[in-house]
Structures are given as structure tokens and as C-alpha cells.
Amino acid sequence: MKGEPTKEKMNLSFITAVVCLAFLGVSFCNGQSLPPCFVSMGDWGSSDPNTAAIGKNINDVAAHPSNYGCSSVEFVFALGDNFYNSGVDSINDPMWNSTFVAQFRSQSALQNMTFYAMVGDHDYGCENPSLPPNHTRAQAQVQYHYKVDSLWYLPSTNYTFKTSFGNGVTVLFVVLDMQAVWTCLESPPEWCFLPDQTTWLDQILTQADNDPTISAVAITGHQSIVCPNGGHFDPKIDNLLVPLGRNHRVSLFLTGHAHYLAWSMESSLGSAFPGGEMWYIVNGAGRGAGAYQCLGYWPPGTGGDVALPVNTYCCTNVQAQDGMFVIHRVHPSGFEHCAVDSTSGGGSVGPCQTTSFRSQT
């Protein structure tokens, strides 16, 4: 009968539906367009099999985004500890080529990709916490942006940028020099630098609160904020930054430092936290899980009174020492964060977590 689908078309539709459900999830299978995405990786800065696999797999995501539930890949976050163990000496340090160019920039789909970078403790040469930060090493990464590769985006160790993703979503990203935060809190007073970061951050977030064009605010940095399973937990940092997130409409803290991949949500209940959810993602498994284990609980005495998360989750793959990264899908009402097992999984997308944007009120 005219207008009826042929058997071949019905079979093709069935196959398409199965593929959609298997690889992209139900949210993409009812005629909805794929969302734009960005990618993040933390604690990645070595020339080793895990990092090399991440470079190849991020390149595949950028080259074939629809295979990963994305319409496009807008940029990559490099969440710090970009060069182990002590950062780079200058813009001519050979690790630029061996760690970044050879494993990432030389990949065909990453040649013109923006890498939004931030500096970690190792980028300051702080593998030994008894020594002061080496500012020359951190500034070498800033100078690389100005003198070598402008798409290695690190104009300052503190900066902000606003991205409109094309689907009605505009996100303000705040990049914090978390080593400066840590140093002023935990080190001898004479080592403290950038002491006014919280004042600067509060001003930025207040402006965002009053900007109706901003859909969400994400704070990024290296040192972990509310490390869901212990790891590099630091209650002084949490006490300083978590209240700012609560007081403003921050939707997401995205950090590294602890060498695993985990996320957790702070409860949206109660008058102290209106307007939706605030999430913490610790994404530091770039080189593998290291010595950390996914404990699956909030260790007693480690700051539950500061920001006790609910619905904690830790990817099981990291116990196998795999390198991992995260694909962040940007939907009109929230993010969808997907873990990628980059080494033995060959870039397979693992569990995903949907997180809503916080409201403006």
C-alpha cells in the first residue's frame, strides 16, 4: 500500500533505534538533536600509554562526535598537572613536544582545538610541598599561550571565559589558580600569592547572578573541591570555596588532583541551598588511578559538615589503573557527564550522570 514503509526501511529503523539506545542513551533517541560537548582531562601530563591513549581517543571524539552523543566538541579542558613531575622550564622545554604536541596537537582533529588550561601543583614544581612554588615554571605555560600556541589558552593563571553553545545555553567558566589558594591556606605566610582570589571570585559570581544571559556557572581548577572519596581532601579549601558556590548559582565544580574519576551531588534540599543542584566532579585519572581506591563512602571526620554530598559515584574502571577522561554534553537544562575508559576500554563511554543547571534565584 502506498505510504507504508518497506520491510527494508523498517529493518533499518529498528537497527537505528537499537544503535541509538546502545550507544547514545534514550535521551537522544526520540528525534532530539545531539547536544554540543566539551571534554576534560586531569593529571595527564606524561608521555606514557595512558596519556597517549587519551590523545587518540579525544581525537576520535572530536573527529566523530555523533558516535559519542555529541553534535560537536567545542574545546578541551586541561585540568592541571600538565607536566610531571615539576612543570616546564620554559616555552622551549622538550616536554612541550613529547607531552602535548606529539600526543595531542599533532592529532588531526585537535590541531585547531582550543585547550583551556590551568596550572596544578606539579606545574609549579611543587612535588615537594616543603619547597615554595616555582613561579617561573607556571609562567612558562602562560608564555606558551602568548608566544607559541594561542589555542593553548592560558592567558593568566586566573581567568574567565563565557561560551555560547548554540543551543540556547551560555556557560560562564571560572578558572582558578588553585595552587595559589592552597599555598595561602596551607603554607608559610611569606609564600602566599594572589591573596585576593576569593574577593575576585565573589565579584565575578555576583556579576553572573545578575546576568540573565548566563545559563550556568562552572568553577574549574586543579586541586579537588569536595573530593567525593577522600583522596586529596582539603577541608580548608572546601570551607573557603563551597560557601561561595552555595551563595551564588554555581552548578559545577570541575577539578582534578585526586587520581581517580568520581562525582557527587550536594543536596538541593533546605533553605541553605535553593535553586537546584551543585555538583562536584573530580577528574584526575588521566595517567591512571594511581594508588587511590574508590572507597564509595565519605570518610569519617573529613569535612562532611562542609559539603556532604549525596548520590556519590566513583567509576570502577580506575581501580584497573586505566587512564580516563570525561565527555560533557551540554543540554538546554543541564550537563550530562560521561566517563570514558580510554586505555583498556579503547575509548568506550561508561556511565553518565545528568546534572541540572541551578536557577538564578
Protein backbone atom coordinates (compact mmCIF):
# COMPACT_ATOMS: atom_id res chain seq x y z
CA MET A 1 0.00 0.00 0.00
CA LYS A 2 1.23 3.43 -0.90
CA GLY A 3 2.83 5.25 2.02
CA GLU A 4 3.59 2.10 4.01
CA PRO A 5 7.25 1.62 4.98
CA THR A 6 9.06 -1.13 3.16
CA LYS A 7 10.49 -4.10 5.03
CA GLU A 8 13.98 -2.78 4.37
CA LYS A 9 13.09 0.63 5.84
CA MET A 10 11.51 -0.99 8.89
CA ASN A 11 14.61 -3.09 9.46
CA LEU A 12 16.82 -0.02 9.09
CA SER A 13 14.67 1.93 11.56
CA PHE A 14 14.90 -0.91 14.05
CA ILE A 15 18.68 -1.13 13.70
CA THR A 16 18.99 2.65 14.08
CA ALA A 17 16.90 2.57 17.26
CA VAL A 18 18.99 -0.25 18.73
CA VAL A 19 22.23 1.57 17.95
CA CYS A 20 20.84 4.78 19.44
CA LEU A 21 19.81 3.08 22.66
CA ALA A 22 23.07 1.15 22.95
CA PHE A 23 25.48 3.99 22.35
CA LEU A 24 23.81 7.33 22.93
CA GLY A 25 21.17 6.76 25.57
CA VAL A 26 17.40 7.19 25.50
CA SER A 27 17.56 11.00 25.69
CA PHE A 28 18.87 11.18 22.11
CA CYS A 29 16.52 8.64 20.53
CA ASN A 30 13.26 10.49 20.04
CA GLY A 31 14.20 12.87 17.28
CA GLN A 32 16.11 15.17 19.56
CA SER A 33 19.23 16.72 18.11
CA LEU A 34 22.57 15.86 19.64
CA PRO A 35 23.98 18.38 22.10
CA PRO A 36 27.30 20.22 21.79
CA CYS A 37 30.04 18.88 24.03
CA PHE A 38 33.35 19.67 25.63
CA VAL A 39 35.95 17.29 27.04
CA SER A 40 38.05 17.43 30.20
CA MET A 41 41.15 15.56 31.36
CA GLY A 42 43.15 15.96 34.55
CA ASP A 43 46.56 14.90 35.85
CA TRP A 44 47.51 13.84 32.35
CA GLY A 45 50.95 15.37 31.82
CA SER A 46 53.20 12.46 30.95
CA SER A 47 54.43 10.58 27.91
CA ASP A 48 53.02 7.16 28.73
CA PRO A 49 50.50 4.68 27.30
CA ASN A 50 47.53 6.05 29.25
CA THR A 51 48.09 9.65 28.13
CA ALA A 52 48.82 8.58 24.56
CA ALA A 53 45.53 6.65 24.54
CA ILE A 54 43.67 9.72 25.82
CA GLY A 55 45.11 11.80 22.98
CA LYS A 56 43.96 9.28 20.38
CA ASN A 57 40.53 8.85 21.92
CA ILE A 58 39.84 12.56 22.39
CA ASN A 59 40.85 12.99 18.76
CA ASP A 60 38.29 10.34 17.81
CA VAL A 61 35.59 12.12 19.83
CA ALA A 62 36.42 15.41 18.09
CA ALA A 63 36.56 13.79 14.64
CA HIS A 64 33.38 11.70 15.04
CA PRO A 65 31.32 13.47 17.69
CA SER A 66 28.00 11.85 16.78
CA ASN A 67 29.46 8.47 17.73
CA TYR A 68 29.74 9.83 21.26
CA GLY A 69 26.37 11.53 21.53
CA CYS A 70 27.66 14.98 20.56
CA SER A 71 26.94 17.37 17.73
CA SER A 72 30.44 18.82 18.11
CA VAL A 73 33.36 19.12 20.51
CA GLU A 74 33.86 22.77 21.34
CA PHE A 75 37.06 22.58 23.42
CA VAL A 76 39.16 20.53 25.82
CA PHE A 77 39.89 21.34 29.46
CA ALA A 78 43.40 20.52 30.71
CA LEU A 79 42.77 20.44 34.45
CA GLY A 80 46.34 20.85 35.65
CA ASP A 81 49.40 18.79 36.42
CA ASN A 82 50.06 19.20 32.75
CA PHE A 83 53.76 18.31 33.04
CA TYR A 84 55.07 15.80 35.54
CA ASN A 85 56.90 15.92 37.78
CA SER A 86 57.99 19.56 38.03
CA GLY A 87 56.40 21.52 35.21
CA VAL A 88 58.33 23.02 32.28
CA ASP A 89 61.39 25.27 32.44
CA SER A 90 60.44 27.49 29.51
CA ILE A 91 58.47 27.63 26.27
CA ASN A 92 61.31 25.62 24.72
CA ASP A 93 61.23 22.78 27.21
CA PRO A 94 61.24 19.46 25.25
CA MET A 95 58.22 18.25 27.24
CA TRP A 96 56.02 20.59 25.21
CA ASN A 97 56.68 18.38 22.20
CA SER A 98 56.76 15.00 23.90
CA THR A 99 53.76 15.50 26.19
CA PHE A 100 51.45 17.98 24.45
CA VAL A 101 52.30 18.28 20.75
CA ALA A 102 53.10 14.64 19.98
CA GLN A 103 50.16 13.21 21.93
CA PHE A 104 47.51 15.88 21.32
CA ARG A 105 48.24 18.79 18.98
CA SER A 106 49.56 16.50 16.25
CA GLN A 107 46.25 14.62 16.13
CA SER A 108 44.33 15.71 13.04
CA ALA A 109 41.10 16.74 14.79
CA LEU A 110 42.96 18.50 17.61
CA GLN A 111 45.27 20.69 15.53
CA ASN A 112 42.90 23.66 15.81
CA MET A 113 41.22 22.71 19.06
CA THR A 114 41.29 25.13 22.00
CA PHE A 115 42.77 23.62 25.16
CA TYR A 116 41.65 25.67 28.15
CA ALA A 117 44.50 25.03 30.56
CA MET A 118 45.09 25.62 34.26
CA VAL A 119 48.11 25.03 36.42
CA GLY A 120 48.44 22.42 39.15
CA ASP A 121 50.86 21.81 42.00
CA HIS A 122 53.30 19.91 39.79
CA ASP A 123 53.20 22.73 37.22
CA TYR A 124 54.55 24.95 39.99
CA GLY A 125 57.31 22.42 40.66
CA CYS A 126 55.61 21.55 43.96
CA GLU A 127 56.16 17.81 44.01
CA ASN A 128 57.89 18.58 47.32
CA PRO A 129 55.41 20.62 49.43
CA SER A 130 58.23 21.74 51.72
CA LEU A 131 59.53 23.96 48.90
CA PRO A 132 57.88 27.20 47.73
CA PRO A 133 56.07 27.40 44.38
CA ASN A 134 58.29 27.95 41.35
CA HIS A 135 56.51 30.80 39.58
CA THR A 136 58.88 30.71 36.60
CA ARG A 137 57.65 27.23 35.72
CA ALA A 138 53.98 28.16 35.95
CA GLN A 139 54.53 31.32 33.92
CA ALA A 140 56.27 29.29 31.20
CA GLN A 141 52.88 27.74 30.44
CA VAL A 142 51.30 31.21 30.30
CA GLN A 143 54.01 32.40 27.93
CA TYR A 144 53.44 29.39 25.68
CA HIS A 145 49.94 30.77 25.06
CA TYR A 146 51.30 34.17 24.00
CA LYS A 147 54.41 33.15 22.11
CA VAL A 148 53.84 29.69 20.65
CA ASP A 149 50.25 28.42 20.56
CA SER A 150 47.37 30.79 21.28
CA LEU A 151 44.97 27.83 21.39
CA TRP A 152 46.81 26.58 24.46
CA TYR A 153 44.56 29.02 26.29
CA LEU A 154 46.20 30.17 29.48
CA PRO A 155 46.36 33.99 29.41
CA SER A 156 46.79 34.09 33.19
CA THR A 157 46.69 31.57 35.99
CA ASN A 158 43.28 33.06 36.92
CA TYR A 159 40.83 33.83 34.11
CA THR A 160 37.23 33.51 32.98
CA PHE A 161 35.56 32.83 29.66
CA LYS A 162 31.96 32.66 28.54
CA THR A 163 30.82 30.21 25.87
CA SER A 164 27.53 30.17 23.97
CA PHE A 165 26.99 26.61 22.81
CA GLY A 166 24.47 27.35 20.06
CA ASN A 167 21.51 25.57 21.66
CA GLY A 168 20.46 28.49 23.83
CA VAL A 169 22.95 27.67 26.60
CA THR A 170 25.64 30.10 27.72
CA VAL A 171 28.07 28.98 30.41
CA LEU A 172 30.48 31.12 32.37
CA PHE A 173 33.64 29.18 33.22
CA VAL A 174 35.85 30.48 36.01
CA VAL A 175 39.40 29.10 36.01
CA LEU A 176 41.09 29.36 39.40
CA ASP A 177 44.76 29.05 40.25
CA MET A 178 44.11 26.51 42.99
CA GLN A 179 47.78 26.23 43.89
CA ALA A 180 47.57 29.87 44.95
CA VAL A 181 44.53 29.07 47.08
CA TRP A 182 46.26 26.08 48.65
CA THR A 183 49.52 27.95 49.27
CA CYS A 184 47.83 30.82 51.10
CA LEU A 185 45.90 28.37 53.27
CA GLU A 186 48.47 25.68 53.98
CA SER A 187 51.98 27.11 53.53
CA PRO A 188 54.17 29.66 55.34
CA PRO A 189 52.63 33.15 55.06
CA GLU A 190 55.57 34.50 53.07
CA TRP A 191 54.80 32.04 50.27
CA CYS A 192 51.23 33.32 49.81
CA PHE A 193 50.48 34.86 46.42
CA LEU A 194 47.23 36.05 44.81
CA PRO A 195 45.71 36.51 48.30
CA ASP A 196 42.57 38.24 47.00
CA GLN A 197 41.22 35.36 44.91
CA THR A 198 38.04 34.91 46.93
CA THR A 199 37.23 38.61 46.59
CA TRP A 200 37.78 38.41 42.84
CA LEU A 201 35.72 35.22 42.61
CA ASP A 202 32.85 36.67 44.62
CA GLN A 203 32.75 39.71 42.34
CA ILE A 204 32.70 37.51 39.22
CA LEU A 205 29.91 35.33 40.61
CA THR A 206 27.86 38.34 41.71
CA GLN A 207 28.03 39.73 38.17
CA ALA A 208 26.94 36.34 36.83
CA ASP A 209 23.99 36.26 39.23
CA ASN A 210 22.75 39.48 37.67
CA ASP A 211 23.32 38.42 34.07
CA PRO A 212 20.19 36.74 32.66
CA THR A 213 22.09 35.59 29.56
CA ILE A 214 24.16 33.12 31.62
CA SER A 215 22.56 29.69 31.90
CA ALA A 216 25.11 28.18 34.28
CA VAL A 217 28.38 28.86 36.07
CA ALA A 218 31.18 26.30 36.40
CA ILE A 219 34.27 26.76 38.58
CA THR A 220 37.31 24.84 37.42
CA GLY A 221 40.73 24.37 38.94
CA HIS A 222 43.26 21.71 39.78
CA GLN A 223 43.01 20.93 43.49
CA SER A 224 39.94 18.91 44.37
CA ILE A 225 36.82 20.58 45.71
CA VAL A 226 34.82 18.20 47.92
CA CYS A 227 36.79 15.14 46.89
CA PRO A 228 33.96 12.58 46.94
CA ASN A 229 36.01 9.62 48.17
CA GLY A 230 38.75 11.18 50.25
CA GLY A 231 41.82 11.36 48.05
CA HIS A 232 43.37 14.84 48.18
CA PHE A 233 40.72 16.13 50.52
CA ASP A 234 41.38 19.60 51.95
CA PRO A 235 38.71 20.98 54.31
CA LYS A 236 40.28 24.46 54.33
CA ILE A 237 39.77 24.79 50.58
CA ASP A 238 36.22 23.46 50.89
CA ASN A 239 35.43 25.87 53.72
CA LEU A 240 36.63 28.75 51.55
CA LEU A 241 35.06 27.93 48.18
CA VAL A 242 31.96 25.83 48.82
CA PRO A 243 30.06 28.69 50.56
CA LEU A 244 30.71 30.89 47.53
CA GLY A 245 29.18 28.24 45.30
CA ARG A 246 26.21 27.94 47.61
CA ASN A 247 25.66 31.70 47.78
CA HIS A 248 25.74 32.11 44.01
CA ARG A 249 24.32 29.99 41.21
CA VAL A 250 27.33 27.75 40.64
CA SER A 251 26.23 24.49 39.02
CA LEU A 252 29.54 22.65 38.88
CA PHE A 253 32.99 22.40 40.41
CA LEU A 254 35.28 20.60 37.94
CA THR A 255 38.71 19.66 39.33
CA GLY A 256 41.45 17.02 39.27
CA HIS A 257 44.33 16.30 41.68
CA ALA A 258 42.96 13.07 43.20
CA HIS A 259 43.91 10.31 40.77
CA TYR A 260 40.53 8.82 40.06
CA LEU A 261 37.28 9.81 38.42
CA ALA A 262 34.29 10.46 40.67
CA TRP A 263 31.32 12.76 41.07
CA SER A 264 28.87 13.70 43.75
CA MET A 265 25.89 15.98 44.26
CA GLU A 266 25.18 18.26 47.15
CA SER A 267 21.61 18.01 48.32
CA SER A 268 19.28 20.65 46.90
CA LEU A 269 17.01 20.43 49.95
CA GLY A 270 16.84 23.10 52.62
CA SER A 271 16.88 26.87 52.65
CA ALA A 272 20.70 26.98 52.62
CA PHE A 273 20.80 25.60 49.10
CA PRO A 274 17.88 26.72 46.95
CA GLY A 275 17.56 26.69 43.20
CA GLY A 276 18.75 23.24 42.18
CA GLU A 277 21.82 21.08 42.38
CA MET A 278 25.53 21.81 42.76
CA TRP A 279 27.84 19.05 41.59
CA TYR A 280 31.46 18.15 42.26
CA ILE A 281 33.43 16.25 39.62
CA VAL A 282 36.96 15.06 40.39
CA ASN A 283 38.58 14.09 37.11
CA GLY A 284 42.21 13.24 37.83
CA ALA A 285 42.63 9.81 36.22
CA GLY A 286 44.45 11.00 33.11
CA ARG A 287 47.51 8.86 33.77
CA GLY A 288 45.53 6.20 35.60
CA ALA A 289 44.16 5.72 39.06
CA GLY A 290 47.48 5.71 40.89
CA ALA A 291 47.34 4.40 44.45
CA TYR A 292 43.84 5.64 45.21
CA GLN A 293 40.89 3.34 45.66
CA CYS A 294 37.22 4.07 45.07
CA LEU A 295 36.04 3.83 48.64
CA GLY A 296 32.41 4.54 47.93
CA TYR A 297 31.78 6.42 51.18
CA TRP A 298 32.52 9.75 52.79
CA PRO A 299 35.41 9.07 55.22
CA PRO A 300 34.50 9.98 58.81
CA GLY A 301 35.95 13.24 60.02
CA THR A 302 36.83 14.56 56.57
CA GLY A 303 34.51 17.50 56.32
CA GLY A 304 31.00 16.21 55.86
CA ASP A 305 29.88 19.31 57.73
CA VAL A 306 31.30 21.44 54.92
CA ALA A 307 29.66 19.93 51.87
CA LEU A 308 28.38 16.43 52.45
CA PRO A 309 27.48 15.09 49.00
CA VAL A 310 24.66 12.71 48.21
CA ASN A 311 24.47 10.22 45.37
CA THR A 312 28.23 9.77 45.24
CA TYR A 313 29.60 7.70 42.42
CA CYS A 314 33.09 6.50 41.59
CA CYS A 315 33.96 4.81 38.31
CA THR A 316 35.05 1.24 38.95
CA ASN A 317 37.43 1.23 35.98
CA VAL A 318 40.01 3.36 37.73
CA GLN A 319 40.93 0.50 40.05
CA ALA A 320 42.31 -1.19 36.95
CA GLN A 321 44.76 1.72 36.53
CA ASP A 322 43.15 2.85 33.29
CA GLY A 323 43.52 6.38 32.07
CA MET A 324 40.14 8.10 31.87
CA PHE A 325 38.61 11.39 30.76
CA VAL A 326 35.13 12.93 30.67
CA ILE A 327 32.81 13.99 27.86
CA HIS A 328 30.47 16.78 28.97
CA ARG A 329 27.28 17.04 26.92
CA VAL A 330 25.57 20.43 27.17
CA HIS A 331 21.79 20.14 27.14
CA PRO A 332 19.37 23.07 27.33
CA SER A 333 18.63 22.40 31.02
CA GLY A 334 21.84 20.83 32.29
CA PHE A 335 25.05 18.90 31.74
CA GLU A 336 25.49 15.20 31.10
CA HIS A 337 28.91 13.98 32.20
CA CYS A 338 30.15 10.70 30.71
CA ALA A 339 33.19 8.75 31.84
CA VAL A 340 35.40 7.38 29.08
CA ASP A 341 37.62 4.36 29.70
CA SER A 342 40.47 5.40 27.47
CA THR A 343 43.02 2.61 27.86
CA SER A 344 41.74 -0.97 28.05
CA GLY A 345 38.26 0.25 27.11
CA GLY A 346 39.56 1.74 23.88
CA GLY A 347 37.56 4.91 24.35
CA SER A 348 34.32 3.25 25.38
CA VAL A 349 31.80 5.52 27.05
CA GLY A 350 30.95 4.30 30.51
CA PRO A 351 28.41 5.61 32.99
CA CYS A 352 26.89 9.07 32.51
CA GLN A 353 25.42 11.45 35.05
CA THR A 354 22.86 14.13 34.21
CA THR A 355 23.05 17.31 36.30
CA SER A 356 20.63 20.21 36.12
CA PHE A 357 21.63 23.86 35.99
CA ARG A 358 20.96 25.88 39.11
CA SER A 359 18.35 28.58 38.77
CA GLN A 360 19.04 32.29 39.00
CA THR A 361 17.20 32.55 42.32
